């Protein structure tokens, strides 16, 4: 009625007769205790109160329509919130790429980030404080599903003044007796065991001088000349002055990154988010490892449920 300003036209637009429309308007004015329309035999006009009420009513109707549309999109997993855990090392290269794809393909899904080591992420996934986690293996827990989404080589990190910083590639045997900085066996358990296993298989003993939990802390100590180390190749993104990252003569060792989620999680946004990550990044669990950094998607993702 406020748009037509004509009882007959408004009634036709609403597929009703004029008398019921007039009664509804009278009942609304009575309920509000204000006059909304000025009526004469020739015209109908909104009062100032009617103009104000009309403006607010239009906004309320629009909000109601948007609320319904938003609820439908959330129900379909096209919108919503994903709480994503990540390890510090995954934020150097992988996480920015992932968020770039989410921004392009899932524009209405908000991502809440939490930096945690793998142990903390697994606890948060069990307690539904996280929806998805970027974790290091092994992840063999009931109710958890995982898929490998990236792998990258380990490189030798040495001070720029170290003899290993120039010349031909070095083998693991060359590291014997060197002061060595490695990961914490608790907070950095995955990398600690990966590097220790690599040295053990090569029958090489190094002289451990520091155990720290984060890659950037290791690079800071290497830059200070405290020792040498092994780090994932995405550490190059940190551009630490005074540190050289060198390939080894031995066959490369790869660090893996997995996407993990609780199979009981009923967040409607989770399947779309998870499937995008798998489609864009998941690696094939085959007999070997790819010769590159493994940060590009393969065609045949493999999902393991524990």
Protein backbone atom coordinates (compact mmCIF):
# COMPACT_ATOMS: atom_id res chain seq x y z
CA UNK A 1 0.00 0.00 0.00
CA UNK A 2 2.81 2.41 0.87
CA UNK A 3 4.31 1.83 -2.60
CA UNK A 4 1.06 2.01 -4.59
CA UNK A 5 -0.72 4.76 -2.57
CA UNK A 6 -3.94 3.43 -4.06
CA UNK A 7 -6.21 0.92 -2.31
CA UNK A 8 -7.46 -0.69 -5.48
CA UNK A 9 -4.03 -1.11 -7.04
CA UNK A 10 -2.53 -2.37 -3.79
CA UNK A 11 -5.34 -4.92 -3.34
CA UNK A 12 -4.83 -6.23 -6.90
CA UNK A 13 -1.08 -6.51 -6.30
CA UNK A 14 -1.74 -8.55 -3.14
CA UNK A 15 -4.38 -10.71 -4.84
CA UNK A 16 -7.08 -9.64 -2.43
CA UNK A 17 -10.13 -7.40 -2.38
CA UNK A 18 -10.05 -3.82 -1.14
CA UNK A 19 -12.17 -4.11 2.07
CA UNK A 20 -9.91 -6.66 3.82
CA UNK A 21 -6.87 -4.55 2.93
CA UNK A 22 -8.51 -1.46 4.43
CA UNK A 23 -9.35 -3.35 7.61
CA UNK A 24 -5.76 -4.64 7.98
CA UNK A 25 -4.39 -1.11 7.63
CA UNK A 26 -6.88 0.18 10.21
CA UNK A 27 -5.89 -2.61 12.60
CA UNK A 28 -2.19 -1.78 12.14
CA UNK A 29 -2.81 1.92 12.81
CA UNK A 30 -4.81 0.98 15.91
CA UNK A 31 -2.01 -1.30 17.17
CA UNK A 32 0.63 1.40 16.59
CA UNK A 33 -1.65 4.18 17.86
CA UNK A 34 -0.55 6.39 14.92
CA UNK A 35 -2.09 7.41 11.61
CA UNK A 36 -0.04 6.00 8.71
CA UNK A 37 -2.08 7.34 5.75
CA UNK A 38 -3.90 10.53 4.89
CA UNK A 39 -6.99 9.52 2.94
CA UNK A 40 -9.16 11.75 0.78
CA UNK A 41 -11.65 10.92 -1.93
CA UNK A 42 -8.99 11.68 -4.52
CA UNK A 43 -5.67 10.53 -3.05
CA UNK A 44 -3.83 8.56 -0.40
CA UNK A 45 -0.59 9.88 1.12
CA UNK A 46 1.79 8.64 3.79
CA UNK A 47 1.95 10.67 6.97
CA UNK A 48 5.42 11.52 8.38
CA UNK A 49 4.89 8.64 10.84
CA UNK A 50 3.90 6.40 7.92
CA UNK A 51 7.02 7.35 5.97
CA UNK A 52 9.21 6.49 8.96
CA UNK A 53 7.39 3.21 9.59
CA UNK A 54 7.62 2.28 5.89
CA UNK A 55 11.40 2.85 5.78
CA UNK A 56 11.97 0.69 8.87
CA UNK A 57 9.58 -1.99 7.61
CA UNK A 58 11.43 -2.30 4.31
CA UNK A 59 14.73 -2.77 6.15
CA UNK A 60 13.19 -5.42 8.42
CA UNK A 61 11.77 -7.31 5.43
CA UNK A 62 15.15 -7.19 3.69
CA UNK A 63 16.89 -8.46 6.84
CA UNK A 64 14.38 -11.30 7.13
CA UNK A 65 14.94 -12.28 3.50
CA UNK A 66 18.72 -12.11 3.94
CA UNK A 67 18.49 -14.16 7.13
CA UNK A 68 16.58 -16.89 5.31
CA UNK A 69 19.05 -16.87 2.42
CA UNK A 70 22.01 -16.93 4.82
CA UNK A 71 20.53 -19.84 6.77
CA UNK A 72 20.02 -21.79 3.56
CA UNK A 73 23.61 -21.13 2.45
CA UNK A 74 24.98 -22.20 5.83
CA UNK A 75 22.84 -25.35 5.74
CA UNK A 76 24.28 -26.19 2.30
CA UNK A 77 27.85 -25.54 3.48
CA UNK A 78 28.22 -22.53 1.17
CA UNK A 79 28.75 -20.15 4.11
CA UNK A 80 29.76 -20.37 7.74
CA UNK A 81 32.82 -20.55 9.97
CA UNK A 82 35.77 -22.98 9.86
CA UNK A 83 38.16 -23.10 12.81
CA UNK A 84 41.48 -24.18 11.33
CA UNK A 85 44.56 -25.20 13.27
CA UNK A 86 48.03 -25.02 11.74
CA UNK A 87 51.64 -25.62 12.65
CA UNK A 88 54.12 -22.75 12.44
CA UNK A 89 56.07 -24.28 9.54
CA UNK A 90 52.91 -24.76 7.47
CA UNK A 91 52.30 -20.99 7.62
CA UNK A 92 55.46 -20.19 5.63
CA UNK A 93 54.09 -21.33 2.28
CA UNK A 94 51.20 -23.77 2.40
CA UNK A 95 48.74 -21.84 4.56
CA UNK A 96 48.86 -18.62 2.48
CA UNK A 97 48.18 -20.64 -0.69
CA UNK A 98 45.28 -22.43 0.99
CA UNK A 99 43.70 -19.19 2.21
CA UNK A 100 44.07 -17.73 -1.28
CA UNK A 101 42.01 -20.57 -2.76
CA UNK A 102 39.41 -20.26 0.00
CA UNK A 103 39.07 -16.54 -0.68
CA UNK A 104 38.48 -17.21 -4.38
CA UNK A 105 36.27 -20.29 -4.23
CA UNK A 106 34.51 -20.17 -0.83
CA UNK A 107 34.05 -16.44 -0.36
CA UNK A 108 31.32 -16.75 2.27
CA UNK A 109 33.23 -19.12 4.56
CA UNK A 110 35.07 -17.34 7.35
CA UNK A 111 38.30 -18.94 8.59
CA UNK A 112 39.39 -18.62 12.22
CA UNK A 113 43.09 -19.55 12.55
CA UNK A 114 44.84 -21.04 15.58
CA UNK A 115 48.58 -21.80 15.61
CA UNK A 116 49.20 -25.01 17.54
CA UNK A 117 51.63 -27.91 17.49
CA UNK A 118 50.17 -31.21 16.31
CA UNK A 119 49.51 -32.60 19.80
CA UNK A 120 47.47 -29.53 20.70
CA UNK A 121 45.56 -29.65 17.43
CA UNK A 122 44.56 -33.27 17.91
CA UNK A 123 43.21 -32.49 21.38
CA UNK A 124 41.29 -29.50 20.00
CA UNK A 125 39.84 -31.64 17.19
CA UNK A 126 38.67 -34.26 19.68
CA UNK A 127 37.02 -31.58 21.81
CA UNK A 128 35.46 -29.83 18.77
CA UNK A 129 37.42 -26.64 19.41
CA UNK A 130 38.82 -27.01 15.87
CA UNK A 131 37.07 -28.18 12.71
CA UNK A 132 40.22 -29.00 10.73
CA UNK A 133 43.92 -29.18 11.45
CA UNK A 134 47.14 -28.98 9.44
CA UNK A 135 49.16 -31.56 11.32
CA UNK A 136 52.27 -33.69 11.14
CA UNK A 137 52.05 -37.51 11.14
CA UNK A 138 51.45 -39.95 12.58
CA UNK A 139 47.75 -39.36 13.20
CA UNK A 140 46.33 -42.75 14.11
CA UNK A 141 43.38 -42.05 16.39
CA UNK A 142 39.85 -43.47 16.41
CA UNK A 143 37.36 -41.08 14.89
CA UNK A 144 39.98 -39.05 13.03
CA UNK A 145 40.38 -38.94 9.26
CA UNK A 146 43.44 -37.60 7.45
CA UNK A 147 44.73 -36.96 3.99
CA UNK A 148 48.23 -35.94 2.99
CA UNK A 149 48.22 -32.49 1.44
CA UNK A 150 51.91 -31.58 1.12
CA UNK A 151 55.44 -32.85 1.44
CA UNK A 152 58.73 -31.00 1.19
CA UNK A 153 62.42 -31.79 1.30
CA UNK A 154 64.63 -31.31 4.32
CA UNK A 155 67.60 -29.06 3.61
CA UNK A 156 70.85 -28.48 5.47
CA UNK A 157 70.91 -25.11 7.24
CA UNK A 158 74.39 -23.73 7.93
CA UNK A 159 75.91 -20.35 8.82
CA UNK A 160 77.01 -18.47 5.72
CA UNK A 161 80.60 -18.58 7.00
CA UNK A 162 80.54 -22.37 7.51
CA UNK A 163 82.65 -24.54 5.24
CA UNK A 164 79.52 -26.43 4.13
CA UNK A 165 78.03 -23.19 2.75
CA UNK A 166 80.12 -23.40 -0.42
CA UNK A 167 81.53 -26.14 -2.60
CA UNK A 168 79.92 -29.40 -3.63
CA UNK A 169 76.84 -30.86 -1.84
CA UNK A 170 77.63 -32.65 1.40
CA UNK A 171 76.50 -36.10 2.50
CA UNK A 172 75.13 -37.08 5.88
CA UNK A 173 78.48 -38.65 6.67
CA UNK A 174 80.04 -35.17 6.53
CA UNK A 175 77.85 -34.07 9.43
CA UNK A 176 79.50 -36.45 11.92
CA UNK A 177 80.64 -34.63 15.04
CA UNK A 178 79.16 -31.28 13.99
CA UNK A 179 77.38 -29.08 16.58
CA UNK A 180 73.74 -29.68 15.69
CA UNK A 181 70.55 -27.79 16.48
CA UNK A 182 67.39 -29.87 16.27
CA UNK A 183 63.74 -29.85 17.21
CA UNK A 184 62.28 -30.45 20.65
CA UNK A 185 61.40 -34.14 21.14
CA UNK A 186 58.07 -32.99 22.65
CA UNK A 187 56.90 -29.80 20.93
CA UNK A 188 58.65 -30.65 17.65
CA UNK A 189 58.37 -34.41 17.90
CA UNK A 190 57.69 -35.07 14.22
CA UNK A 191 60.76 -33.25 12.90
CA UNK A 192 62.87 -34.50 15.81
CA UNK A 193 62.13 -38.13 14.99
CA UNK A 194 62.39 -37.58 11.24
CA UNK A 195 65.89 -36.08 11.49
CA UNK A 196 67.07 -38.49 14.18
CA UNK A 197 65.91 -41.44 12.07
CA UNK A 198 67.68 -40.09 9.01
CA UNK A 199 70.97 -39.73 10.92
CA UNK A 200 70.56 -43.13 12.57
CA UNK A 201 70.05 -44.91 9.26
CA UNK A 202 73.19 -43.26 7.95
CA UNK A 203 75.04 -44.30 11.14
CA UNK A 204 76.01 -40.66 11.76
CA UNK A 205 76.49 -39.14 15.24
CA UNK A 206 76.22 -35.38 15.62
CA UNK A 207 76.78 -33.24 18.72
CA UNK A 208 73.42 -31.86 19.80
CA UNK A 209 73.76 -28.35 21.25
CA UNK A 210 70.15 -27.08 21.31
CA UNK A 211 66.61 -28.45 21.08
CA UNK A 212 63.94 -25.88 20.12
CA UNK A 213 60.37 -26.16 18.85
CA UNK A 214 60.12 -23.79 15.88
CA UNK A 215 61.92 -23.46 12.54
CA UNK A 216 62.50 -19.72 12.91
CA UNK A 217 64.20 -20.31 16.28
CA UNK A 218 66.49 -22.88 14.69
CA UNK A 219 67.42 -20.50 11.88
CA UNK A 220 68.17 -17.74 14.39
CA UNK A 221 70.59 -20.05 16.23
CA UNK A 222 72.19 -21.16 12.96
CA UNK A 223 72.60 -17.52 11.94
CA UNK A 224 74.35 -16.87 15.27
CA UNK A 225 76.85 -19.65 14.53
CA UNK A 226 75.62 -21.95 17.32
CA UNK A 227 75.49 -24.96 15.01
CA UNK A 228 73.98 -26.46 11.86
CA UNK A 229 70.57 -28.06 11.37
CA UNK A 230 68.07 -29.67 9.01
CA UNK A 231 64.89 -27.73 8.19
CA UNK A 232 62.00 -28.01 5.71
CA UNK A 233 62.68 -26.17 2.46
CA UNK A 234 59.85 -23.68 2.99
CA UNK A 235 62.14 -22.17 5.66
CA UNK A 236 63.62 -20.27 2.72
CA UNK A 237 60.49 -18.08 2.87
CA UNK A 238 61.81 -16.61 6.14
CA UNK A 239 64.89 -15.11 4.40
CA UNK A 240 67.15 -15.40 7.45
CA UNK A 241 70.28 -13.31 6.94
CA UNK A 242 73.49 -15.23 7.41
CA UNK A 243 71.95 -18.67 6.77
CA UNK A 244 72.50 -20.89 3.73
CA UNK A 245 70.07 -23.70 2.91
CA UNK A 246 71.85 -26.46 1.01
CA UNK A 247 70.70 -29.62 -0.74
CA UNK A 248 72.28 -32.84 0.44
CA UNK A 249 74.14 -35.38 -1.66
CA UNK A 250 72.01 -38.19 -0.18
CA UNK A 251 68.53 -39.05 -1.48
CA UNK A 252 66.16 -36.41 -0.08
CA UNK A 253 64.09 -36.92 3.04
CA UNK A 254 60.59 -35.48 2.90
CA UNK A 255 58.49 -33.88 5.64
CA UNK A 256 54.75 -34.46 5.27
CA UNK A 257 51.76 -32.32 6.15
CA UNK A 258 48.27 -33.76 6.67
CA UNK A 259 44.76 -32.38 6.86
CA UNK A 260 42.93 -33.93 9.83
CA UNK A 261 39.32 -33.76 11.00
CA UNK A 262 36.98 -35.45 13.44
CA UNK A 263 34.55 -37.68 11.54
CA UNK A 264 31.82 -36.76 14.06
CA UNK A 265 32.07 -33.06 13.24
CA UNK A 266 28.72 -31.89 11.83
CA UNK A 267 29.74 -28.37 10.78
CA UNK A 268 27.96 -27.90 7.40
CA UNK A 269 30.88 -25.83 6.09
CA UNK A 270 33.44 -28.59 6.73
CA UNK A 271 32.82 -30.82 3.66
CA UNK A 272 33.14 -27.97 1.14
CA UNK A 273 36.29 -26.64 2.83
CA UNK A 274 37.85 -30.10 3.20
CA UNK A 275 37.03 -31.11 -0.38
CA UNK A 276 38.59 -27.91 -1.72
CA UNK A 277 41.83 -28.60 0.17
CA UNK A 278 41.89 -32.20 -1.08
CA UNK A 279 41.17 -31.17 -4.65
CA UNK A 280 43.84 -28.48 -4.69
CA UNK A 281 46.61 -30.04 -2.60
CA UNK A 282 46.24 -33.70 -1.67
CA UNK A 283 49.21 -35.89 -2.56
CA UNK A 284 49.08 -39.53 -3.61
CA UNK A 285 50.36 -41.95 -0.99
CA UNK A 286 52.47 -44.09 -3.29
CA UNK A 287 55.71 -45.99 -2.84
CA UNK A 288 57.90 -42.91 -3.05
CA UNK A 289 57.76 -39.17 -2.79
CA UNK A 290 57.51 -36.58 -5.55
CA UNK A 291 60.72 -35.02 -6.71
CA UNK A 292 59.43 -31.50 -6.07
CA UNK A 293 58.17 -29.78 -2.95
CA UNK A 294 54.87 -31.64 -3.09
CA UNK A 295 52.83 -28.48 -2.61
CA UNK A 296 50.90 -28.92 -5.85
CA UNK A 297 47.75 -30.99 -5.96
CA UNK A 298 47.77 -34.49 -7.32
CA UNK A 299 44.81 -36.08 -9.07
CA UNK A 300 44.23 -39.02 -6.77
CA UNK A 301 43.89 -37.96 -3.10
CA UNK A 302 44.05 -40.78 -0.58
CA UNK A 303 42.13 -40.40 2.66
CA UNK A 304 42.93 -42.54 5.68
CA UNK A 305 40.53 -43.00 8.55
CA UNK A 306 41.94 -44.22 11.83
